[in-house]
Protein backbone atom coordinates (compact mmCIF):
# COMPACT_ATOMS: atom_id res chain seq x y z
CA MET A 1 132.08 101.52 61.72
CA ARG A 2 131.74 98.38 59.99
CA THR A 3 130.56 99.60 56.89
CA GLU A 4 132.70 102.67 56.81
CA TYR A 5 135.99 101.40 57.92
CA LEU A 6 137.32 100.62 54.37
CA ASN A 7 136.71 104.30 53.39
CA LEU A 8 138.52 105.51 56.54
CA ILE A 9 141.44 103.22 55.86
CA ALA A 10 141.55 104.71 52.30
CA CYS A 11 141.53 108.19 53.71
CA ALA A 12 144.51 107.46 55.78
CA HIS A 13 146.34 106.49 52.68
CA HIS A 14 146.10 109.95 51.29
CA PRO A 15 147.57 112.47 54.01
CA THR A 16 149.02 115.67 52.45
CA GLY A 17 150.34 118.60 54.34
CA ARG A 18 150.87 119.11 57.99
CA THR A 19 147.20 119.26 58.98
CA GLN A 20 146.43 116.12 57.44
CA SER A 21 149.34 114.45 59.10
CA THR A 22 147.57 115.16 62.57
CA HIS A 23 144.38 113.91 61.20
CA LEU A 24 145.96 110.58 60.06
CA ILE A 25 147.44 110.10 63.63
CA ALA A 26 144.06 110.83 65.22
CA LEU A 27 142.26 108.63 62.84
CA ALA A 28 144.60 105.83 63.63
CA ASN A 29 144.00 106.41 67.33
CA ALA A 30 140.24 106.50 66.96
CA MET A 31 140.17 103.30 64.96
CA ALA A 32 142.76 101.12 67.17
CA ALA A 33 139.85 99.49 69.50
CA TYR A 34 137.83 98.71 66.41
CA LEU A 35 140.65 97.06 64.44
CA ARG A 36 141.87 95.32 67.30
CA GLN A 37 138.57 93.74 68.02
CA GLN A 38 137.23 93.31 64.49
CA GLY A 39 140.60 93.18 61.98
CA PRO A 40 141.73 92.95 59.42
CA TRP A 41 144.83 92.99 61.64
CA ASP A 42 147.09 93.34 58.33
CA GLN A 43 145.16 96.72 57.80
CA ALA A 44 145.67 97.79 61.39
CA VAL A 45 149.30 97.20 60.97
CA ILE A 46 149.41 99.38 57.87
CA LEU A 47 147.39 102.18 59.47
CA HIS A 48 149.35 102.14 62.79
CA HIS A 49 152.70 101.92 61.26
CA ALA A 50 151.70 105.15 59.06
CA ALA A 51 150.65 106.94 62.08
CA ALA A 52 153.88 106.45 63.99
CA THR A 53 156.19 107.31 61.07
CA THR A 54 153.85 110.42 60.33
CA ALA A 55 154.16 111.32 64.09
CA HIS A 56 157.77 110.82 64.19
CA HIS A 57 158.35 113.25 61.02
CA THR A 58 156.22 115.74 62.48
CA LYS A 59 157.91 115.30 66.21
CA ASN A 60 154.63 114.36 67.74
CA ARG A 61 156.32 112.23 70.43
CA LEU A 62 153.00 111.36 72.35
CA GLY A 63 151.48 110.70 68.91
CA GLU A 64 154.26 108.39 67.93
CA ALA A 65 154.21 106.59 71.47
CA GLY A 66 150.47 105.82 71.19
CA ALA A 67 150.77 104.67 67.73
CA LEU A 68 153.77 102.33 68.70
CA TRP A 69 151.61 100.93 71.50
CA ASP A 70 148.73 100.43 69.12
CA LEU A 71 150.95 98.77 66.62
CA GLY A 72 152.74 96.51 69.17
CA GLY A 73 149.23 95.42 70.50
CA VAL A 74 148.30 94.19 67.01
CA ARG A 75 151.48 92.41 66.38
CA GLN A 76 150.92 90.68 69.73
CA LEU A 77 147.34 89.43 68.25
CA MET A 78 149.09 88.45 65.30
CA GLY A 79 151.50 86.24 67.23
CA ASP A 80 154.48 88.34 66.54
CA TYR A 81 155.64 88.41 70.10
CA ALA A 82 159.43 89.60 69.22
CA GLY A 83 157.84 92.48 67.32
CA ALA A 84 155.45 93.43 69.73
CA THR A 85 157.83 93.30 72.59
CA ASP A 86 160.16 95.71 70.47
CA LEU A 87 157.42 98.28 69.74
CA LEU A 88 155.96 98.04 73.29
CA GLY A 89 159.47 98.67 74.43
CA GLN A 90 159.80 101.69 72.26
CA ALA A 91 156.29 102.98 73.19
CA LEU A 92 157.13 102.61 76.91
CA GLU A 93 160.66 104.70 76.18
CA GLN A 94 158.69 107.23 74.68
CA PHE A 95 156.08 107.64 77.41
CA ARG A 96 158.84 107.64 80.02
CA ALA A 97 160.47 110.52 78.26
CA LEU A 98 157.02 112.51 77.96
CA ASP A 99 156.75 111.70 81.87
CA ASN A 100 153.10 110.16 80.73
CA ARG A 101 152.58 107.84 83.68
CA LEU A 102 149.30 106.53 82.29
CA GLY A 103 150.76 105.57 78.86
CA GLU A 104 153.83 104.43 80.68
CA ALA A 105 151.58 102.05 82.78
CA GLY A 106 149.79 100.59 79.63
CA ALA A 107 152.95 100.03 77.69
CA CYS A 108 154.59 98.60 80.63
CA GLY A 109 151.73 96.19 81.18
CA ALA A 110 151.50 95.16 77.63
CA TRP A 111 155.18 94.69 77.37
CA VAL A 112 155.40 92.33 80.24
CA VAL A 113 152.68 90.28 78.95
CA CYS A 114 154.61 89.92 75.65
CA GLY A 115 157.64 88.80 77.48
CA GLY A 116 159.57 92.01 77.55
């Protein structure tokens, strides 16, 4: 992953069409743990924001909730606790609306840690 992550990030910047949109969301989700651990966090913010926006526009509520959770986690690591709390709160609302208990538990735990 370390040698290819820049290529994967570059691929994420060129989604075209509906099929590529779902691939962007999946790519961001797959890279989340690596980017959280290895950084660079500024690239992670861009990727997860793009995934959340894409998921919102394609009405992929589960993908949006996951991307918001990932984005909130990166913001927390960067020390932006207010931004992280807001994003994790949005993810929590999405997971609750979807009745996704596992996502709700993860978002709730992270949200509380940030001070929500």
